[in-house]
Each structure stands twice: as C-alpha cells, then as structure tokens.
Amino acid sequence: MRPVYLTAVLLLVLIFGGRAAADNGLALLQIEHGARPAGMGAAFVSVTDDPNGVAYNPASIVALSKFTASFGHTVYWENVRLESGFFAMNLSSRTFLHGGIRFAVVDEIEQRVLPTSEPESYFDVHDVSFKSGLSYRFSENISAGLSLGWFVEKIEAWRGSAFNVDIGVTVRPQADVNIGASVTGLGSDFNLSKPGSVGSRDISLPTTCTVGGSYTRGRILAAADIVYLADQAHLHLGAEGRLHEIFQLRAGVMTGYDSKNITAGASFTKRNLTIDYAFVPYSNDLGTSHMFNLTFTL
C-alpha cells in the first residue's frame, strides 16, 4: 500500500493548499464548499440564508422560509472535481430540516513503485460525505443545529469510512448582527483497508472549530471567522455587495494557509433561481479553482 498511499496523500496536500491535510483524512472535503461561501473567503459560520451554510454550521438555515436546494460543481486542473447537492426546508416556524451530499474525485493518478518513465498503472481517489440534520429556533434570536453524517474515502482499492457529527449555534444580538459557532467533523478515527492487506494507520477526521460574526448594512454584508483546524488557527474575512437586485459581487481573504489567500465571486438572480460563481487562485503553481452553484427555491 505504501507507494500508492504516499502518492495520494502528497496530491491531496497540494490540492488542499495547507499543512492540515497531512494530518487528516478526507482532504478533498476540506476544500471550501459552495461558490457563495468560497467567494466570501469561507467566512460563513454566521450567515443564515443559504443551504450551503450547513457545511459550515448546521444551525445556519433559520432565515429560510421556503424549500431551497443548491447544486455545486468545482474544477481543479483537468482531473480533480467536486460535486455537491444540499437542501433546506422549514418543517414548522421553529424546526428546519437539511441534508446534502458532497462527492470529490481525482482521476488517473499515476502509480509507481520504482521510478519509471511510464506508470505501472492508474488509480482514483474518492471522498464522499452524506449528511442530514435538524435546526431549531428557540427564539427569534437563538438557534441551534445538529447534523449526522457518514464519510467514505477510497484510494485505489483501499477503503475506509466513519460516522461523524456537526453541531452549531447562531445568535442574533441585533437586527443587523449575527454570531455563529460550530464544530464540524466530530467522530472517531478510521483507517483504509484492502482485502488481503494490512490496514493503514489511523486517520483522523477533519474536525474544524469555527466562531465568527457578520454585519449587514444596507446592501453590504461583511463577515469574519476564526477557523481552528489541525492545531492551526486561520482568519477568514469576506464581504458581499448587492449592486443590483439581480447582481452581487463578493471578495474574501483566508490567512495562514500555504497556497491560498484571496477569493472573489459573483452571483446572478432571476426570480427563484440564483447562479453563483467563485474564483479561488492558488500560489505555488497550483492553478485556480472555479466554483459554480445553481440554487433555487420552491
């Protein structure tokens, strides 16, 4: 397993653009989720009106009053892609249901045991996350949420999976201020196994602790998060401005990472349909990520 595993881990470290991926599994699922959050530098733990927000905080959908679904597509280079689908709906004035799936794949990774001009074979890496949960609004200003999920990772013929939990809260001390906090990816370690072979070392889940706030003034939304992942703290800053009732622009900054820093994005809304786009450039010759989301309400 060792040559295959080390090759895959090295690739995932490069994709993630930070040191944390070396210590955690499911590195592809640690990339920012959703075009709107990514365009705001992933400063999204306190934003409460987007189904993609449950990936950052399971209490973050309490401002939605209708069934809302969002489907995402992200491309890195030619053989790395992420697909997602999330929904949220109100069961009552206080209770909300949410769920979603994220699927990430790297195709045709070259496998070599010894240095050769041609690879011995090719293999794929797959990360999948299934999640569903509830949010409950205790009052107009305080809400809490819980998500239960299942992570699955496959590297070549090696497979592993783990149960996980997300928890979060949102507080609105003023009409134009939101505060959010969450812990995502709580669960036990897992390992990769293959019939007839010794399993891998234990791999920890990408547990992330986040606290932040957002402020709305007129057509401007500004947000700031502190994200703690793999023993490192990162500051995420983001802003969103509505230039027209159908058009928005976004920008963000993520600090403390090896290969990512600034982000940008835009969205176009027509009636109950929104198209979001995010641009996330990487340094160290790692290219650029283009993220898209299609969101609709019923």
C-alpha atoms as a PDB file:
ATOM      1  CA  MET A   1       0.000   0.000   0.000  1.00  0.00           C
ATOM      2  CA  ARG A   2       2.761   2.448   0.884  1.00  0.00           C
ATOM      3  CA  PRO A   3       3.690   3.777  -2.608  1.00  0.00           C
ATOM      4  CA  VAL A   4       0.032   4.242  -3.532  1.00  0.00           C
ATOM      5  CA  TYR A   5      -0.909   5.841  -0.232  1.00  0.00           C
ATOM      6  CA  LEU A   6       2.014   8.262  -0.144  1.00  0.00           C
ATOM      7  CA  THR A   7       1.339   9.365  -3.716  1.00  0.00           C
ATOM      8  CA  ALA A   8      -2.311  10.065  -2.943  1.00  0.00           C
ATOM      9  CA  VAL A   9      -1.581  11.908   0.295  1.00  0.00           C
ATOM     10  CA  LEU A  10       1.000  14.109  -1.440  1.00  0.00           C
ATOM     11  CA  LEU A  11      -1.506  15.036  -4.124  1.00  0.00           C
ATOM     12  CA  LEU A  12      -4.204  15.832  -1.574  1.00  0.00           C
ATOM     13  CA  VAL A  13      -1.803  18.051   0.387  1.00  0.00           C
ATOM     14  CA  LEU A  14      -1.142  20.045  -2.771  1.00  0.00           C
ATOM     15  CA  ILE A  15      -4.839  20.334  -3.588  1.00  0.00           C
ATOM     16  CA  PHE A  16      -5.795  21.445  -0.098  1.00  0.00           C
ATOM     17  CA  GLY A  17      -3.046  24.046  -0.067  1.00  0.00           C
ATOM     18  CA  GLY A  18      -2.229  23.767   3.625  1.00  0.00           C
ATOM     19  CA  ARG A  19      -0.347  21.710   6.176  1.00  0.00           C
ATOM     20  CA  ALA A  20      -3.520  20.374   7.799  1.00  0.00           C
ATOM     21  CA  ALA A  21      -4.176  17.779   5.107  1.00  0.00           C
ATOM     22  CA  ALA A  22      -1.092  15.860   6.112  1.00  0.00           C
ATOM     23  CA  ASP A  23      -2.642  15.051   9.485  1.00  0.00           C
ATOM     24  CA  ASN A  24      -6.257  14.418   8.483  1.00  0.00           C
ATOM     25  CA  GLY A  25      -8.071  12.236   6.018  1.00  0.00           C
ATOM     26  CA  LEU A  26     -10.735  13.269   3.519  1.00  0.00           C
ATOM     27  CA  ALA A  27      -8.589  16.168   2.361  1.00  0.00           C
ATOM     28  CA  LEU A  28     -10.695  16.841  -0.724  1.00  0.00           C
ATOM     29  CA  LEU A  29     -13.700  17.547   1.502  1.00  0.00           C
ATOM     30  CA  GLN A  30     -11.739  20.168   3.451  1.00  0.00           C
ATOM     31  CA  ILE A  31     -11.774  22.494   0.450  1.00  0.00           C
ATOM     32  CA  GLU A  32     -14.222  25.387   0.795  1.00  0.00           C
ATOM     33  CA  HIS A  33     -17.766  24.315  -0.001  1.00  0.00           C
ATOM     34  CA  GLY A  34     -20.174  26.369  -2.093  1.00  0.00           C
ATOM     35  CA  ALA A  35     -19.477  29.150  -4.571  1.00  0.00           C
ATOM     36  CA  ARG A  36     -21.078  31.864  -2.451  1.00  0.00           C
ATOM     37  CA  PRO A  37     -19.188  30.986   0.771  1.00  0.00           C
ATOM     38  CA  ALA A  38     -15.922  30.498  -1.149  1.00  0.00           C
ATOM     39  CA  GLY A  39     -16.286  33.888  -2.816  1.00  0.00           C
ATOM     40  CA  MET A  40     -16.505  35.416   0.668  1.00  0.00           C
ATOM     41  CA  GLY A  41     -13.322  33.720   1.872  1.00  0.00           C
ATOM     42  CA  ALA A  42     -15.353  30.943   3.560  1.00  0.00           C
ATOM     43  CA  ALA A  43     -16.349  33.395   6.321  1.00  0.00           C
ATOM     44  CA  PHE A  44     -19.790  31.839   6.561  1.00  0.00           C
ATOM     45  CA  VAL A  45     -20.432  30.384  10.009  1.00  0.00           C
ATOM     46  CA  SER A  46     -22.897  33.182  10.909  1.00  0.00           C
ATOM     47  CA  VAL A  47     -24.725  33.538   7.554  1.00  0.00           C
ATOM     48  CA  THR A  48     -28.232  32.097   7.876  1.00  0.00           C
ATOM     49  CA  ASP A  49     -29.921  32.216   4.465  1.00  0.00           C
ATOM     50  CA  ASP A  50     -28.121  29.649   2.281  1.00  0.00           C
ATOM     51  CA  PRO A  51     -28.452  25.808   2.245  1.00  0.00           C
ATOM     52  CA  ASN A  52     -24.710  25.544   1.605  1.00  0.00           C
ATOM     53  CA  GLY A  53     -24.194  27.113   5.022  1.00  0.00           C
ATOM     54  CA  VAL A  54     -24.932  23.814   6.791  1.00  0.00           C
ATOM     55  CA  ALA A  55     -21.473  22.612   5.704  1.00  0.00           C
ATOM     56  CA  TYR A  56     -20.098  25.362   7.988  1.00  0.00           C
ATOM     57  CA  ASN A  57     -22.788  25.464  10.670  1.00  0.00           C
ATOM     58  CA  PRO A  58     -25.847  23.162  10.931  1.00  0.00           C
ATOM     59  CA  ALA A  59     -27.792  25.967  12.650  1.00  0.00           C
ATOM     60  CA  SER A  60     -27.346  28.349   9.731  1.00  0.00           C
ATOM     61  CA  ILE A  61     -30.582  27.897   7.744  1.00  0.00           C
ATOM     62  CA  VAL A  62     -33.061  29.533  10.097  1.00  0.00           C
ATOM     63  CA  ALA A  63     -33.615  32.540   7.803  1.00  0.00           C
ATOM     64  CA  LEU A  64     -35.007  30.345   5.015  1.00  0.00           C
ATOM     65  CA  SER A  65     -38.788  30.266   4.723  1.00  0.00           C
ATOM     66  CA  LYS A  66     -39.131  28.007   1.656  1.00  0.00           C
ATOM     67  CA  PHE A  67     -37.680  24.774   0.338  1.00  0.00           C
ATOM     68  CA  THR A  68     -34.269  25.696  -1.099  1.00  0.00           C
ATOM     69  CA  ALA A  69     -31.796  23.443  -2.916  1.00  0.00           C
ATOM     70  CA  SER A  70     -28.331  24.128  -4.284  1.00  0.00           C
ATOM     71  CA  PHE A  71     -26.180  22.063  -6.648  1.00  0.00           C
ATOM     72  CA  GLY A  72     -22.467  22.753  -6.959  1.00  0.00           C
ATOM     73  CA  HIS A  73     -19.627  21.962  -9.340  1.00  0.00           C
ATOM     74  CA  THR A  74     -15.924  22.685  -8.829  1.00  0.00           C
ATOM     75  CA  VAL A  75     -12.992  22.005 -11.152  1.00  0.00           C
ATOM     76  CA  TYR A  76      -9.274  21.821 -10.295  1.00  0.00           C
ATOM     77  CA  TRP A  77      -6.989  21.272 -13.248  1.00  0.00           C
ATOM     78  CA  GLU A  78      -8.425  18.613 -15.573  1.00  0.00           C
ATOM     79  CA  ASN A  79      -8.820  15.566 -13.348  1.00  0.00           C
ATOM     80  CA  VAL A  80      -9.964  16.953  -9.984  1.00  0.00           C
ATOM     81  CA  ARG A  81     -13.627  17.768  -9.443  1.00  0.00           C
ATOM     82  CA  LEU A  82     -16.110  18.209  -6.623  1.00  0.00           C
ATOM     83  CA  GLU A  83     -19.875  17.833  -6.940  1.00  0.00           C
ATOM     84  CA  SER A  84     -22.452  18.668  -4.270  1.00  0.00           C
ATOM     85  CA  GLY A  85     -26.145  18.919  -3.586  1.00  0.00           C
ATOM     86  CA  PHE A  86     -27.687  20.489  -0.466  1.00  0.00           C
ATOM     87  CA  PHE A  87     -31.257  21.298   0.545  1.00  0.00           C
ATOM     88  CA  ALA A  88     -33.008  23.007   3.437  1.00  0.00           C
ATOM     89  CA  MET A  89     -36.677  23.435   4.331  1.00  0.00           C
ATOM     90  CA  ASN A  90     -38.814  24.585   7.239  1.00  0.00           C
ATOM     91  CA  LEU A  91     -40.928  21.886   8.891  1.00  0.00           C
ATOM     92  CA  SER A  92     -42.526  24.497  11.149  1.00  0.00           C
ATOM     93  CA  SER A  93     -41.880  28.044  12.261  1.00  0.00           C
ATOM     94  CA  ARG A  94     -39.176  26.737  14.615  1.00  0.00           C
ATOM     95  CA  THR A  95     -37.895  23.484  13.081  1.00  0.00           C
ATOM     96  CA  PHE A  96     -35.854  23.108   9.891  1.00  0.00           C
ATOM     97  CA  LEU A  97     -34.641  20.038   8.009  1.00  0.00           C
ATOM     98  CA  HIS A  98     -31.433  19.993   5.969  1.00  0.00           C
ATOM     99  CA  GLY A  99     -29.275  17.468   4.168  1.00  0.00           C
ATOM    100  CA  GLY A 100     -26.769  17.025   1.413  1.00  0.00           C
ATOM    101  CA  ILE A 101     -24.012  15.090  -0.293  1.00  0.00           C
ATOM    102  CA  ARG A 102     -20.509  16.056  -1.375  1.00  0.00           C
ATOM    103  CA  PHE A 103     -18.554  13.920  -3.815  1.00  0.00           C
ATOM    104  CA  ALA A 104     -14.896  14.549  -4.708  1.00  0.00           C
ATOM    105  CA  VAL A 105     -12.756  12.607  -7.152  1.00  0.00           C
ATOM    106  CA  VAL A 106      -9.243  12.671  -8.591  1.00  0.00           C
ATOM    107  CA  ASP A 107      -8.957  10.590 -11.770  1.00  0.00           C
ATOM    108  CA  GLU A 108      -5.992   8.772 -13.280  1.00  0.00           C
ATOM    109  CA  ILE A 109      -3.303   9.201 -10.626  1.00  0.00           C
ATOM    110  CA  GLU A 110      -0.096   7.514 -11.780  1.00  0.00           C
ATOM    111  CA  GLN A 111       1.114   4.607  -9.630  1.00  0.00           C
ATOM    112  CA  ARG A 112       4.804   3.706  -9.465  1.00  0.00           C
ATOM    113  CA  VAL A 113       6.758   1.505  -7.060  1.00  0.00           C
ATOM    114  CA  LEU A 114      10.102   2.375  -8.695  1.00  0.00           C
ATOM    115  CA  PRO A 115      10.980   5.449 -10.770  1.00  0.00           C
ATOM    116  CA  THR A 116       9.964   4.713 -14.372  1.00  0.00           C
ATOM    117  CA  SER A 117       9.161   6.738 -17.468  1.00  0.00           C
ATOM    118  CA  GLU A 118       5.733   5.115 -17.673  1.00  0.00           C
ATOM    119  CA  PRO A 119       3.439   4.413 -14.688  1.00  0.00           C
ATOM    120  CA  GLU A 120       2.716   0.821 -13.741  1.00  0.00           C
ATOM    121  CA  SER A 121      -0.982   1.607 -13.534  1.00  0.00           C
ATOM    122  CA  TYR A 122      -3.510   4.344 -12.718  1.00  0.00           C
ATOM    123  CA  PHE A 123      -5.890   4.710  -9.795  1.00  0.00           C
ATOM    124  CA  ASP A 124      -8.540   7.118  -8.482  1.00  0.00           C
ATOM    125  CA  VAL A 125      -9.203   8.877  -5.175  1.00  0.00           C
ATOM    126  CA  HIS A 126     -12.797   9.357  -4.000  1.00  0.00           C
ATOM    127  CA  ASP A 127     -14.125  11.227  -0.951  1.00  0.00           C
ATOM    128  CA  VAL A 128     -17.863  11.178  -0.208  1.00  0.00           C
ATOM    129  CA  SER A 129     -19.854  12.834   2.576  1.00  0.00           C
ATOM    130  CA  PHE A 130     -23.540  12.201   3.345  1.00  0.00           C
ATOM    131  CA  LYS A 131     -25.202  14.463   5.928  1.00  0.00           C
ATOM    132  CA  SER A 132     -28.636  15.258   7.276  1.00  0.00           C
ATOM    133  CA  GLY A 133     -29.935  17.017  10.348  1.00  0.00           C
ATOM    134  CA  LEU A 134     -32.230  19.492  12.055  1.00  0.00           C
ATOM    135  CA  SER A 135     -32.046  23.108  13.132  1.00  0.00           C
ATOM    136  CA  TYR A 136     -34.251  24.507  15.861  1.00  0.00           C
ATOM    137  CA  ARG A 137     -35.045  28.155  16.583  1.00  0.00           C
ATOM    138  CA  PHE A 138     -35.518  28.618  20.318  1.00  0.00           C
ATOM    139  CA  SER A 139     -36.435  32.262  19.853  1.00  0.00           C
ATOM    140  CA  GLU A 140     -36.133  34.961  17.223  1.00  0.00           C
ATOM    141  CA  ASN A 141     -32.503  35.429  18.237  1.00  0.00           C
ATOM    142  CA  ILE A 142     -31.124  31.991  19.223  1.00  0.00           C
ATOM    143  CA  SER A 143     -30.904  28.811  17.139  1.00  0.00           C
ATOM    144  CA  ALA A 144     -29.049  25.503  17.298  1.00  0.00           C
ATOM    145  CA  GLY A 145     -28.427  22.741  14.799  1.00  0.00           C
ATOM    146  CA  LEU A 146     -27.193  19.167  14.531  1.00  0.00           C
ATOM    147  CA  SER A 147     -26.060  17.115  11.517  1.00  0.00           C
ATOM    148  CA  LEU A 148     -25.328  13.403  11.389  1.00  0.00           C
ATOM    149  CA  GLY A 149     -23.195  12.102   8.577  1.00  0.00           C
ATOM    150  CA  TRP A 150     -21.086   9.386   7.060  1.00  0.00           C
ATOM    151  CA  PHE A 151     -17.678   9.925   5.460  1.00  0.00           C
ATOM    152  CA  VAL A 152     -16.281   7.471   2.912  1.00  0.00           C
ATOM    153  CA  GLU A 153     -12.787   7.562   1.437  1.00  0.00           C
ATOM    154  CA  LYS A 154     -11.418   5.332  -1.341  1.00  0.00           C
ATOM    155  CA  ILE A 155      -7.824   5.381  -2.586  1.00  0.00           C
ATOM    156  CA  GLU A 156      -7.212   2.814  -5.323  1.00  0.00           C
ATOM    157  CA  ALA A 157      -8.688  -0.402  -3.831  1.00  0.00           C
ATOM    158  CA  TRP A 158      -8.304   0.827  -0.240  1.00  0.00           C
ATOM    159  CA  ARG A 159     -11.491   1.932   1.532  1.00  0.00           C
ATOM    160  CA  GLY A 160     -12.439   3.447   4.856  1.00  0.00           C
ATOM    161  CA  SER A 161     -15.446   5.166   6.412  1.00  0.00           C
ATOM    162  CA  ALA A 162     -16.522   6.903   9.598  1.00  0.00           C
ATOM    163  CA  PHE A 163     -19.632   8.271  11.283  1.00  0.00           C
ATOM    164  CA  ASN A 164     -19.473  11.969  12.138  1.00  0.00           C
ATOM    165  CA  VAL A 165     -21.437  14.753  13.815  1.00  0.00           C
ATOM    166  CA  ASP A 166     -21.669  18.525  13.293  1.00  0.00           C
ATOM    167  CA  ILE A 167     -23.072  20.896  15.919  1.00  0.00           C
ATOM    168  CA  GLY A 168     -23.615  24.651  15.802  1.00  0.00           C
ATOM    169  CA  VAL A 169     -25.415  27.689  17.163  1.00  0.00           C
ATOM    170  CA  THR A 170     -26.361  31.120  15.869  1.00  0.00           C
ATOM    171  CA  VAL A 171     -27.201  34.194  17.933  1.00  0.00           C
ATOM    172  CA  ARG A 172     -28.612  37.494  16.677  1.00  0.00           C
ATOM    173  CA  PRO A 173     -27.909  40.154  19.332  1.00  0.00           C
ATOM    174  CA  GLN A 174     -29.108  42.910  16.993  1.00  0.00           C
ATOM    175  CA  ALA A 175     -31.194  43.017  13.836  1.00  0.00           C
ATOM    176  CA  ASP A 176     -28.117  43.638  11.672  1.00  0.00           C
ATOM    177  CA  VAL A 177     -25.627  41.399  13.536  1.00  0.00           C
ATOM    178  CA  ASN A 178     -25.310  37.605  13.558  1.00  0.00           C
ATOM    179  CA  ILE A 179     -22.883  35.484  15.567  1.00  0.00           C
ATOM    180  CA  GLY A 180     -22.220  31.823  14.803  1.00  0.00           C
ATOM    181  CA  ALA A 181     -20.138  28.988  16.245  1.00  0.00           C
ATOM    182  CA  SER A 182     -19.755  25.388  15.138  1.00  0.00           C
ATOM    183  CA  VAL A 183     -17.754  22.203  15.464  1.00  0.00           C
ATOM    184  CA  THR A 184     -17.850  20.048  12.331  1.00  0.00           C
ATOM    185  CA  GLY A 185     -16.407  16.628  11.567  1.00  0.00           C
ATOM    186  CA  LEU A 186     -16.632  15.210  15.091  1.00  0.00           C
ATOM    187  CA  GLY A 187     -16.052  11.451  15.095  1.00  0.00           C
ATOM    188  CA  SER A 188     -13.661   8.612  15.677  1.00  0.00           C
ATOM    189  CA  ASP A 189     -10.557   7.850  13.625  1.00  0.00           C
ATOM    190  CA  PHE A 190     -10.814   5.463  10.706  1.00  0.00           C
ATOM    191  CA  ASN A 191      -8.372   3.502   8.565  1.00  0.00           C
ATOM    192  CA  LEU A 192      -8.127   2.371   4.986  1.00  0.00           C
ATOM    193  CA  SER A 193      -8.299  -1.366   4.401  1.00  0.00           C
ATOM    194  CA  LYS A 194      -7.997  -3.751   1.477  1.00  0.00           C
ATOM    195  CA  PRO A 195      -8.771  -7.482   1.417  1.00  0.00           C
ATOM    196  CA  GLY A 196      -5.601  -9.481   1.964  1.00  0.00           C
ATOM    197  CA  SER A 197      -3.538  -6.493   3.133  1.00  0.00           C
ATOM    198  CA  VAL A 198      -2.695  -4.855   6.438  1.00  0.00           C
ATOM    199  CA  GLY A 199      -4.768  -1.749   7.049  1.00  0.00           C
ATOM    200  CA  SER A 200      -3.394   1.769   7.135  1.00  0.00           C
ATOM    201  CA  ARG A 201      -2.567   3.789  10.226  1.00  0.00           C
ATOM    202  CA  ASP A 202      -5.470   5.508  11.968  1.00  0.00           C
ATOM    203  CA  ILE A 203      -6.623   8.616  10.110  1.00  0.00           C
ATOM    204  CA  SER A 204      -8.353  11.429  11.974  1.00  0.00           C
ATOM    205  CA  LEU A 205     -11.431  13.213  10.675  1.00  0.00           C
ATOM    206  CA  PRO A 206     -11.003  16.859   9.631  1.00  0.00           C
ATOM    207  CA  THR A 207     -12.588  18.263  12.808  1.00  0.00           C
ATOM    208  CA  THR A 208     -12.983  22.031  12.479  1.00  0.00           C
ATOM    209  CA  CYS A 209     -13.930  24.600  15.139  1.00  0.00           C
ATOM    210  CA  THR A 210     -15.236  27.942  13.894  1.00  0.00           C
ATOM    211  CA  VAL A 211     -16.548  31.096  15.518  1.00  0.00           C
ATOM    212  CA  GLY A 212     -17.455  34.296  13.726  1.00  0.00           C
ATOM    213  CA  GLY A 213     -19.861  37.100  13.072  1.00  0.00           C
ATOM    214  CA  SER A 214     -21.483  39.025  10.256  1.00  0.00           C
ATOM    215  CA  TYR A 215     -22.860  42.533   9.898  1.00  0.00           C
ATOM    216  CA  THR A 216     -25.392  43.790   7.376  1.00  0.00           C
ATOM    217  CA  ARG A 217     -25.686  47.428   6.447  1.00  0.00           C
ATOM    218  CA  GLY A 218     -27.900  48.320   3.525  1.00  0.00           C
ATOM    219  CA  ARG A 219     -26.735  46.264   0.561  1.00  0.00           C
ATOM    220  CA  ILE A 220     -23.427  45.211   2.165  1.00  0.00           C
ATOM    221  CA  LEU A 221     -22.770  42.009   4.142  1.00  0.00           C
ATOM    222  CA  ALA A 222     -19.405  41.729   5.936  1.00  0.00           C
ATOM    223  CA  ALA A 223     -18.238  38.622   7.809  1.00  0.00           C
ATOM    224  CA  ALA A 224     -15.237  37.427   9.812  1.00  0.00           C
ATOM    225  CA  ASP A 225     -14.487  33.898  11.096  1.00  0.00           C
ATOM    226  CA  ILE A 226     -11.736  32.318  13.165  1.00  0.00           C
ATOM    227  CA  VAL A 227     -11.241  28.738  11.943  1.00  0.00           C
ATOM    228  CA  TYR A 228      -9.277  26.203  14.005  1.00  0.00           C
ATOM    229  CA  LEU A 229      -8.190  23.129  12.069  1.00  0.00           C
ATOM    230  CA  ALA A 230      -5.382  20.621  12.762  1.00  0.00           C
ATOM    231  CA  ASP A 231      -3.882  22.693  15.597  1.00  0.00           C
ATOM    232  CA  GLN A 232      -3.758  25.855  13.495  1.00  0.00           C
ATOM    233  CA  ALA A 233      -5.907  28.983  13.627  1.00  0.00           C
ATOM    234  CA  HIS A 234      -6.907  30.855  10.475  1.00  0.00           C
ATOM    235  CA  LEU A 235      -8.668  34.165   9.976  1.00  0.00           C
ATOM    236  CA  HIS A 236     -11.286  34.297   7.212  1.00  0.00           C
ATOM    237  CA  LEU A 237     -12.700  37.634   6.060  1.00  0.00           C
ATOM    238  CA  GLY A 238     -15.398  38.202   3.459  1.00  0.00           C
ATOM    239  CA  ALA A 239     -17.817  40.748   2.057  1.00  0.00           C
ATOM    240  CA  GLU A 240     -20.774  40.711  -0.304  1.00  0.00           C
ATOM    241  CA  GLY A 241     -22.343  43.693  -2.027  1.00  0.00           C
ATOM    242  CA  ARG A 242     -25.638  43.858  -3.911  1.00  0.00           C
ATOM    243  CA  LEU A 243     -25.030  46.163  -6.866  1.00  0.00           C
ATOM    244  CA  HIS A 244     -28.481  45.495  -8.277  1.00  0.00           C
ATOM    245  CA  GLU A 245     -31.452  43.391  -7.200  1.00  0.00           C
ATOM    246  CA  ILE A 246     -30.235  40.667  -9.584  1.00  0.00           C
ATOM    247  CA  PHE A 247     -26.436  41.030  -9.297  1.00  0.00           C
ATOM    248  CA  GLN A 248     -23.958  40.656  -6.408  1.00  0.00           C
ATOM    249  CA  LEU A 249     -20.170  40.817  -6.074  1.00  0.00           C
ATOM    250  CA  ARG A 250     -18.028  39.152  -3.381  1.00  0.00           C
ATOM    251  CA  ALA A 251     -14.453  39.115  -2.121  1.00  0.00           C
ATOM    252  CA  GLY A 252     -12.615  37.359   0.673  1.00  0.00           C
ATOM    253  CA  VAL A 253      -9.304  36.595   2.341  1.00  0.00           C
ATOM    254  CA  MET A 254      -8.132  33.417   4.098  1.00  0.00           C
ATOM    255  CA  THR A 255      -4.962  33.755   6.183  1.00  0.00           C
ATOM    256  CA  GLY A 256      -2.427  31.239   7.444  1.00  0.00           C
ATOM    257  CA  TYR A 257      -2.524  28.804   4.522  1.00  0.00           C
ATOM    258  CA  ASP A 258       0.427  27.786   2.388  1.00  0.00           C
ATOM    259  CA  SER A 259      -1.144  28.191  -1.037  1.00  0.00           C
ATOM    260  CA  LYS A 260      -4.402  30.115  -0.805  1.00  0.00           C
ATOM    261  CA  ASN A 261      -5.272  33.614   0.277  1.00  0.00           C
ATOM    262  CA  ILE A 262      -7.691  35.792  -1.715  1.00  0.00           C
ATOM    263  CA  THR A 263     -11.037  34.830  -3.271  1.00  0.00           C
ATOM    264  CA  ALA A 264     -13.683  36.539  -5.369  1.00  0.00           C
ATOM    265  CA  GLY A 265     -17.139  35.781  -6.677  1.00  0.00           C
ATOM    266  CA  ALA A 266     -20.383  36.962  -8.183  1.00  0.00           C
ATOM    267  CA  SER A 267     -23.999  35.878  -8.488  1.00  0.00           C
ATOM    268  CA  PHE A 268     -26.943  36.477 -10.771  1.00  0.00           C
ATOM    269  CA  THR A 269     -30.527  36.078  -9.518  1.00  0.00           C
ATOM    270  CA  LYS A 270     -33.682  35.855 -11.595  1.00  0.00           C
ATOM    271  CA  ARG A 271     -36.915  35.201  -9.712  1.00  0.00           C
ATOM    272  CA  ASN A 272     -36.348  31.996  -7.693  1.00  0.00           C
ATOM    273  CA  LEU A 273     -33.090  30.977  -9.409  1.00  0.00           C
ATOM    274  CA  THR A 274     -29.543  32.050  -8.484  1.00  0.00           C
ATOM    275  CA  ILE A 275     -26.270  31.236 -10.241  1.00  0.00           C
ATOM    276  CA  ASP A 276     -23.161  31.701  -8.079  1.00  0.00           C
ATOM    277  CA  TYR A 277     -19.540  31.721  -9.211  1.00  0.00           C
ATOM    278  CA  ALA A 278     -16.329  31.821  -7.142  1.00  0.00           C
ATOM    279  CA  PHE A 279     -12.718  32.327  -8.211  1.00  0.00           C
ATOM    280  CA  VAL A 280     -10.071  30.891  -5.835  1.00  0.00           C
ATOM    281  CA  PRO A 281      -6.473  31.306  -7.073  1.00  0.00           C
ATOM    282  CA  TYR A 282      -3.662  29.203  -5.589  1.00  0.00           C
ATOM    283  CA  SER A 283       0.014  30.069  -5.298  1.00  0.00           C
ATOM    284  CA  ASN A 284       2.989  27.694  -5.726  1.00  0.00           C
ATOM    285  CA  ASP A 285       1.915  26.971  -9.314  1.00  0.00           C
ATOM    286  CA  LEU A 286      -1.201  25.094  -8.153  1.00  0.00           C
ATOM    287  CA  GLY A 287      -3.524  26.858 -10.568  1.00  0.00           C
ATOM    288  CA  THR A 288      -7.003  28.257  -9.981  1.00  0.00           C
ATOM    289  CA  SER A 289     -10.289  26.831  -8.743  1.00  0.00           C
ATOM    290  CA  HIS A 290     -13.571  27.731 -10.458  1.00  0.00           C
ATOM    291  CA  MET A 291     -16.693  27.011  -8.423  1.00  0.00           C
ATOM    292  CA  PHE A 292     -20.313  27.119  -9.563  1.00  0.00           C
ATOM    293  CA  ASN A 293     -23.639  26.731  -7.754  1.00  0.00           C
ATOM    294  CA  LEU A 294     -27.198  26.643  -9.030  1.00  0.00           C
ATOM    295  CA  THR A 295     -29.694  27.444  -6.251  1.00  0.00           C
ATOM    296  CA  PHE A 296     -33.484  27.524  -6.468  1.00  0.00           C
ATOM    297  CA  THR A 297     -36.432  27.962  -4.113  1.00  0.00           C
ATOM    298  CA  LEU A 298     -39.943  26.498  -4.270  1.00  0.00           C
END
